[in-house]
Protein backbone atom coordinates (compact mmCIF):
# COMPACT_ATOMS: atom_id res chain seq x y z
CA UNK A 1 -2.63 25.51 136.47
CA UNK A 2 -1.71 23.87 133.26
CA UNK A 3 -3.88 23.53 130.54
CA UNK A 4 -5.27 20.03 129.34
CA UNK A 5 -2.95 18.47 126.86
CA UNK A 6 -5.35 17.74 124.63
CA UNK A 7 -4.61 18.96 120.57
CA UNK A 8 -4.26 22.32 119.84
CA UNK A 9 -7.31 23.74 117.94
CA UNK A 10 -8.27 27.23 118.64
CA UNK A 11 -5.93 29.92 118.93
CA UNK A 12 -6.85 33.76 120.42
CA UNK A 13 -3.99 36.71 118.96
CA UNK A 14 -4.10 40.17 120.49
CA UNK A 15 -3.58 42.74 117.84
CA UNK A 16 -4.62 42.78 114.48
CA UNK A 17 -1.72 44.63 112.92
CA UNK A 18 0.99 43.21 110.83
CA UNK A 19 2.46 40.75 113.11
CA UNK A 20 -0.96 39.38 114.31
CA UNK A 21 -2.51 38.70 110.82
CA UNK A 22 0.76 37.14 109.39
CA UNK A 23 0.56 34.56 112.59
CA UNK A 24 -3.04 34.42 112.03
CA UNK A 25 -2.64 33.84 107.95
CA UNK A 26 0.00 31.08 108.31
CA UNK A 27 -1.86 29.27 111.45
CA UNK A 28 -5.11 29.02 109.54
CA UNK A 29 -3.26 27.62 106.64
CA UNK A 30 -1.84 24.53 108.74
CA UNK A 31 -5.59 24.48 110.10
CA UNK A 32 -6.18 26.12 112.84
CA UNK A 33 -9.31 28.27 113.93
CA UNK A 34 -8.11 31.72 114.81
CA UNK A 35 -9.35 34.62 116.42
CA UNK A 36 -8.14 38.08 117.02
CA UNK A 37 -8.53 40.88 119.08
CA UNK A 38 -7.75 44.63 118.67
CA UNK A 39 -8.84 47.75 120.21
CA UNK A 40 -8.95 49.55 117.15
CA UNK A 41 -11.61 50.30 114.77
CA UNK A 42 -10.14 48.13 112.00
CA UNK A 43 -7.04 46.41 111.20
CA UNK A 44 -3.46 47.86 110.23
CA UNK A 45 -1.70 48.81 113.65
CA UNK A 46 0.94 51.63 112.92
CA UNK A 47 -0.19 50.64 109.24
CA UNK A 48 -2.72 53.28 109.34
CA UNK A 49 -4.96 55.61 107.03
CA UNK A 50 -6.81 58.43 108.31
CA UNK A 51 -9.77 60.10 106.10
CA UNK A 52 -10.53 63.68 106.78
CA UNK A 53 -12.89 65.29 104.73
CA UNK A 54 -12.58 68.72 103.28
CA UNK A 55 -13.95 71.32 100.75
CA UNK A 56 -11.84 70.10 97.80
CA UNK A 57 -13.06 66.13 98.77
CA UNK A 58 -11.39 63.31 100.94
CA UNK A 59 -7.73 63.96 101.86
CA UNK A 60 -6.45 60.62 102.98
CA UNK A 61 -3.51 60.31 105.10
CA UNK A 62 -0.94 57.32 105.89
CA UNK A 63 0.32 58.52 109.21
CA UNK A 64 1.89 55.68 110.50
CA UNK A 65 4.28 53.28 108.53
CA UNK A 66 5.16 55.31 105.52
CA UNK A 67 6.16 52.31 103.22
CA UNK A 68 7.42 48.30 103.75
CA UNK A 69 10.68 47.23 102.35
CA UNK A 70 10.77 43.69 100.35
CA UNK A 71 13.91 41.32 101.25
CA UNK A 72 12.98 38.34 102.13
CA UNK A 73 12.04 35.75 99.99
CA UNK A 74 8.88 34.09 101.51
CA UNK A 75 7.82 37.89 101.94
CA UNK A 76 8.63 38.75 98.23
CA UNK A 77 6.48 36.37 97.29
CA UNK A 78 3.22 37.70 99.30
CA UNK A 79 4.15 41.01 98.03
CA UNK A 80 3.88 39.68 94.48
CA UNK A 81 0.87 38.40 94.90
CA UNK A 82 -0.13 41.64 96.36
CA UNK A 83 0.73 43.58 93.66
CA UNK A 84 -0.86 41.13 90.63
CA UNK A 85 -4.04 41.84 92.54
CA UNK A 86 -3.72 45.73 92.70
CA UNK A 87 -2.79 45.84 96.23
CA UNK A 88 0.73 47.38 96.35
CA UNK A 89 3.16 48.84 94.03
CA UNK A 90 7.09 49.69 94.30
CA UNK A 91 7.78 53.59 95.63
CA UNK A 92 11.12 53.75 94.25
CA UNK A 93 11.35 57.62 95.34
CA UNK A 94 11.31 56.02 99.19
CA UNK A 95 14.32 53.57 98.19
CA UNK A 96 15.16 50.75 95.75
CA UNK A 97 13.17 48.00 97.70
CA UNK A 98 10.30 50.43 99.13
CA UNK A 99 6.56 49.57 98.64
CA UNK A 100 3.71 50.88 99.69
CA UNK A 101 -0.33 49.24 100.08
CA UNK A 102 -2.94 50.64 97.60
CA UNK A 103 -5.02 52.77 97.79
CA UNK A 104 -3.93 52.96 101.50
CA UNK A 105 -1.27 51.30 103.60
CA UNK A 106 -3.73 49.48 106.07
CA UNK A 107 -5.20 47.57 102.46
CA UNK A 108 -2.42 44.74 102.50
CA UNK A 109 -3.53 44.20 106.31
CA UNK A 110 -7.05 44.55 105.37
CA UNK A 111 -6.52 41.64 103.01
CA UNK A 112 -5.26 39.31 105.33
CA UNK A 113 -7.60 40.33 108.15
CA UNK A 114 -10.75 39.74 106.11
CA UNK A 115 -10.18 36.21 105.94
CA UNK A 116 -10.62 35.71 109.78
CA UNK A 117 -13.00 36.33 112.83
CA UNK A 118 -11.54 39.55 114.25
CA UNK A 119 -13.31 41.14 117.21
CA UNK A 120 -12.37 45.33 116.99
CA UNK A 121 -13.04 48.06 119.38
CA UNK A 122 -12.66 45.62 122.59
CA UNK A 123 -9.71 46.30 124.59
CA UNK A 124 -7.58 43.39 126.13
CA UNK A 125 -7.88 44.14 129.75
CA UNK A 126 -5.82 40.55 130.76
CA UNK A 127 -5.30 36.98 129.96
CA UNK A 128 -6.51 33.69 132.45
CA UNK A 129 -5.59 30.42 132.22
CA UNK A 130 -7.97 28.26 133.60
CA UNK A 131 -8.27 23.71 133.19
CA UNK A 132 -10.54 24.94 129.96
CA UNK A 133 -7.88 26.93 128.07
CA UNK A 134 -7.28 30.55 127.53
CA UNK A 135 -9.85 33.26 128.50
CA UNK A 136 -9.24 36.86 126.78
CA UNK A 137 -10.48 39.57 129.46
CA UNK A 138 -11.80 42.78 126.97
CA UNK A 139 -13.55 46.12 127.66
CA UNK A 140 -16.61 43.98 126.43
CA UNK A 141 -16.44 40.76 128.72
CA UNK A 142 -14.38 37.64 128.50
CA UNK A 143 -13.90 35.28 125.66
CA UNK A 144 -12.57 31.69 125.28
CA UNK A 145 -11.46 29.36 126.12
CA UNK A 146 -8.83 29.22 123.63
CA UNK A 147 -6.34 26.18 123.23
CA UNK A 148 -3.10 28.46 122.54
CA UNK A 149 -2.73 32.45 123.32
CA UNK A 150 -0.75 34.76 121.36
CA UNK A 151 -0.01 38.34 122.01
CA UNK A 152 1.35 40.77 118.68
CA UNK A 153 1.17 44.04 120.22
CA UNK A 154 4.22 46.17 121.04
CA UNK A 155 6.43 45.38 123.66
CA UNK A 156 5.63 47.95 126.40
CA UNK A 157 2.21 46.41 126.16
CA UNK A 158 2.99 43.08 125.68
CA UNK A 159 4.82 42.78 128.69
CA UNK A 160 1.64 43.34 131.00
CA UNK A 161 -0.48 40.80 129.53
CA UNK A 162 2.81 38.36 129.59
CA UNK A 163 4.17 39.07 133.04
CA UNK A 164 1.68 36.81 134.97
CA UNK A 165 2.20 33.72 132.96
CA UNK A 166 5.52 33.45 131.42
CA UNK A 167 8.36 36.10 132.97
CA UNK A 168 10.98 35.09 131.09
CA UNK A 169 8.80 36.05 128.14
CA UNK A 170 7.77 39.16 129.60
CA UNK A 171 11.08 40.13 130.77
CA UNK A 172 12.49 40.40 127.32
CA UNK A 173 9.16 42.66 126.22
CA UNK A 174 10.34 44.77 129.39
CA UNK A 175 14.11 45.51 128.05
CA UNK A 176 12.48 46.87 124.53
CA UNK A 177 12.08 50.20 124.88
CA UNK A 178 10.18 52.11 121.64
CA UNK A 179 10.47 55.61 120.40
CA UNK A 180 7.50 57.61 120.29
CA UNK A 181 6.09 60.01 117.25
CA UNK A 182 3.80 62.89 116.85
CA UNK A 183 2.44 62.41 113.31
CA UNK A 184 0.51 65.88 112.02
CA UNK A 185 -1.71 65.95 108.85
CA UNK A 186 -2.21 68.73 106.62
CA UNK A 187 -4.57 69.05 103.90
CA UNK A 188 -4.23 71.74 101.86
CA UNK A 189 -6.00 74.49 99.43
CA UNK A 190 -3.32 74.49 97.17
CA UNK A 191 0.04 72.54 96.02
CA UNK A 192 3.04 72.98 98.53
CA UNK A 193 5.94 74.85 96.45
CA UNK A 194 8.36 72.75 96.94
CA UNK A 195 10.04 70.03 94.15
CA UNK A 196 9.95 66.78 96.01
CA UNK A 197 7.33 64.40 97.39
CA UNK A 198 9.87 63.57 100.27
CA UNK A 199 11.59 65.38 102.67
CA UNK A 200 13.79 63.47 105.70
CA UNK A 201 15.94 64.24 108.67
CA UNK A 202 15.21 67.93 108.60
CA UNK A 203 15.97 69.02 112.53
CA UNK A 204 12.75 68.43 114.32
CA UNK A 205 11.44 66.64 111.60
CA UNK A 206 12.36 63.13 110.70
CA UNK A 207 9.87 62.59 107.42
CA UNK A 208 7.48 64.72 105.50
CA UNK A 209 6.05 63.15 102.50
CA UNK A 210 3.27 64.73 100.05
CA UNK A 211 0.55 61.72 100.57
CA UNK A 212 -1.73 62.06 97.37
CA UNK A 213 1.67 61.46 95.20
CA UNK A 214 2.17 58.11 96.66
CA UNK A 215 1.22 55.60 93.97
CA UNK A 216 -2.57 55.02 93.94
CA UNK A 217 -3.43 58.26 95.79
CA UNK A 218 -5.39 61.06 94.87
CA UNK A 219 -7.26 64.02 96.52
CA UNK A 220 -6.08 67.15 97.43
CA UNK A 221 -2.89 68.01 98.77
CA UNK A 222 -2.04 65.87 101.70
CA UNK A 223 1.13 65.87 103.42
CA UNK A 224 1.93 63.92 106.57
CA UNK A 225 4.54 65.49 108.91
CA UNK A 226 6.30 63.11 111.60
CA UNK A 227 8.42 64.36 114.24
CA UNK A 228 11.64 63.32 115.29
CA UNK A 229 11.68 60.53 118.51
CA UNK A 230 13.55 63.22 120.48
CA UNK A 231 10.94 65.58 119.99
CA UNK A 232 8.35 63.53 120.41
CA UNK A 233 9.70 62.17 123.36
CA UNK A 234 9.76 65.72 125.10
CA UNK A 235 6.18 66.83 124.18
CA UNK A 236 4.74 63.10 124.21
CA UNK A 237 2.03 64.69 127.37
CA UNK A 238 1.54 67.98 125.36
CA UNK A 239 -2.12 68.54 124.27
CA UNK A 240 -2.85 67.73 120.64
CA UNK A 241 -3.83 71.72 119.66
CA UNK A 242 -0.65 72.89 121.04
CA UNK A 243 1.40 70.15 119.17
CA UNK A 244 -0.42 70.28 115.66
CA UNK A 245 0.51 74.27 116.01
CA UNK A 246 3.86 73.72 117.04
CA UNK A 247 4.77 71.28 113.62
CA UNK A 248 2.60 73.38 111.51
CA UNK A 249 5.31 76.18 112.49
CA UNK A 250 8.07 73.94 112.77
CA UNK A 251 7.34 72.59 108.68
CA UNK A 252 7.07 76.19 107.87
CA UNK A 253 10.47 77.07 109.10
CA UNK A 254 12.27 73.84 107.65
CA UNK A 255 10.80 74.17 104.22
CA UNK A 256 11.53 78.16 104.68
CA UNK A 257 8.53 79.13 102.88
CA UNK A 258 4.86 79.95 103.90
CA UNK A 259 2.29 77.07 104.20
CA UNK A 260 -0.78 77.21 101.95
CA UNK A 261 -3.93 77.70 103.47
CA UNK A 262 -5.05 74.67 105.44
CA UNK A 263 -8.12 72.90 104.49
CA UNK A 264 -8.13 70.21 107.24
CA UNK A 265 -6.07 69.25 110.00
CA UNK A 266 -5.17 66.39 112.53
CA UNK A 267 -2.72 64.85 114.57
CA UNK A 268 -1.99 61.38 115.98
CA UNK A 269 0.17 60.16 119.09
CA UNK A 270 2.43 56.99 118.46
CA UNK A 271 3.32 56.26 121.70
CA UNK A 272 5.45 53.09 120.90
CA UNK A 273 6.06 54.23 117.25
CA UNK A 274 9.94 52.90 116.44
CA UNK A 275 11.40 49.51 118.05
CA UNK A 276 14.79 48.91 118.15
CA UNK A 277 13.90 45.00 117.72
CA UNK A 278 15.60 42.14 119.68
CA UNK A 279 16.84 40.06 116.64
CA UNK A 280 15.18 37.08 118.43
CA UNK A 281 12.04 36.67 115.74
CA UNK A 282 9.60 34.92 117.93
CA UNK A 283 8.73 33.13 121.38
CA UNK A 284 6.75 30.08 122.18
CA UNK A 285 6.05 28.40 125.55
CA UNK A 286 4.96 24.98 124.59
CA UNK A 287 3.94 23.88 127.77
CA UNK A 288 1.17 26.34 128.61
CA UNK A 289 0.99 27.21 124.95
CA UNK A 290 1.68 31.51 125.19
CA UNK A 291 3.54 32.85 122.08
CA UNK A 292 4.49 36.42 121.46
CA UNK A 293 5.58 38.07 117.88
CA UNK A 294 6.12 41.48 116.64
CA UNK A 295 8.67 44.09 115.09
CA UNK A 296 9.87 44.29 118.77
CA UNK A 297 11.46 41.00 118.59
CA UNK A 298 13.11 41.40 114.80
CA UNK A 299 13.49 44.64 113.80
CA UNK A 300 11.84 48.13 113.33
CA UNK A 301 10.01 47.29 109.61
CA UNK A 302 6.63 46.00 108.87
CA UNK A 303 8.63 42.68 106.54
CA UNK A 304 9.94 42.24 110.45
CA UNK A 305 6.78 42.09 111.90
CA UNK A 306 5.11 39.73 108.94
CA UNK A 307 8.49 37.80 109.72
CA UNK A 308 7.97 37.46 113.25
CA UNK A 309 4.44 36.46 112.99
CA UNK A 310 4.98 33.50 110.51
CA UNK A 311 7.87 32.53 112.49
CA UNK A 312 5.89 31.98 115.46
CA UNK A 313 2.98 30.33 113.62
CA UNK A 314 5.70 27.92 112.14
CA UNK A 315 6.96 27.20 116.03
CA UNK A 316 2.97 26.07 116.42
CA UNK A 317 2.42 24.55 113.79
CA UNK A 318 4.77 21.48 113.19
CA UNK A 319 5.08 20.40 116.59
CA UNK A 320 2.56 22.10 118.99
CA UNK A 321 1.80 18.95 120.48
CA UNK A 322 5.05 17.46 121.03
CA UNK A 323 7.50 17.59 124.48
CA UNK A 324 9.94 20.47 124.41
CA UNK A 325 13.01 20.30 126.41
CA UNK A 326 12.59 23.53 127.51
CA UNK A 327 9.60 25.75 127.67
CA UNK A 328 11.07 28.94 126.31
CA UNK A 329 11.39 28.52 122.50
CA UNK A 330 12.68 31.28 120.11
CA UNK A 331 13.67 31.41 116.54
CA UNK A 332 15.54 34.23 114.77
CA UNK A 333 14.61 34.71 111.07
């Protein structure tokens, strides 16, 4: 059943990570009314930060994306605006084009999401298309109707939402495989006696960083230890306590010294952490007004998620009410 061809005014976006909020920001600037849905307690997706209370004060951990690159001119302009408002700063230690958000990685996503209508804490279970428009079915009920629907979540989560409505777009998501990542967080009673703040590619550990040494951070000694994709996949269904204990042992072994006393610790499983990227950009079916964006459509970087979201909004914006020769449109960026 096709949606009435009335002018597009309202858009629903599933996912309030960087791709979703980038798309929302561009659409809102073009005059659309946008509502986002996210199962988390706040925005950010994989640009997440966790706070843990300790005897030495709150420890903060950027346990998802560790930094973001700035290479595209359009994204560079956005980042310079964040910098001028104290929300971002270069982190040369991670690379010549590496930046971090301040005071946490989710700060820049918050900067976008706070300008929009976002429903948090509701798992999207399905999408429905009627004569009135799109409906979003969540764990708390149904929302809608909306004139257009956008899916901005990892490929593995996007595929089942898209499959009933556009098999061609869904198949592109089905062909993407993301690497998982177990991320351990440790707050120590004393500084770890290593000279470097970043440890890369040490056996089963792909990344470890002293979080409190990042620009704009403070608090007790806090380390994020991320396991490699291979190790994470082999232990994907292990219990959290076991994974935390094993990663502590592996970390201690790799740095070849005893760990200081642990004040607090936690662990998080990113089941869809790193996507190879399809190098497409974004997908938009103008006939039924359904689109998809995300880093899985471009590349495994925060910057790619921003670019994909903006690319989809640009596809919708100037020509959402014009006939297309083909219902599936994509654009690389």
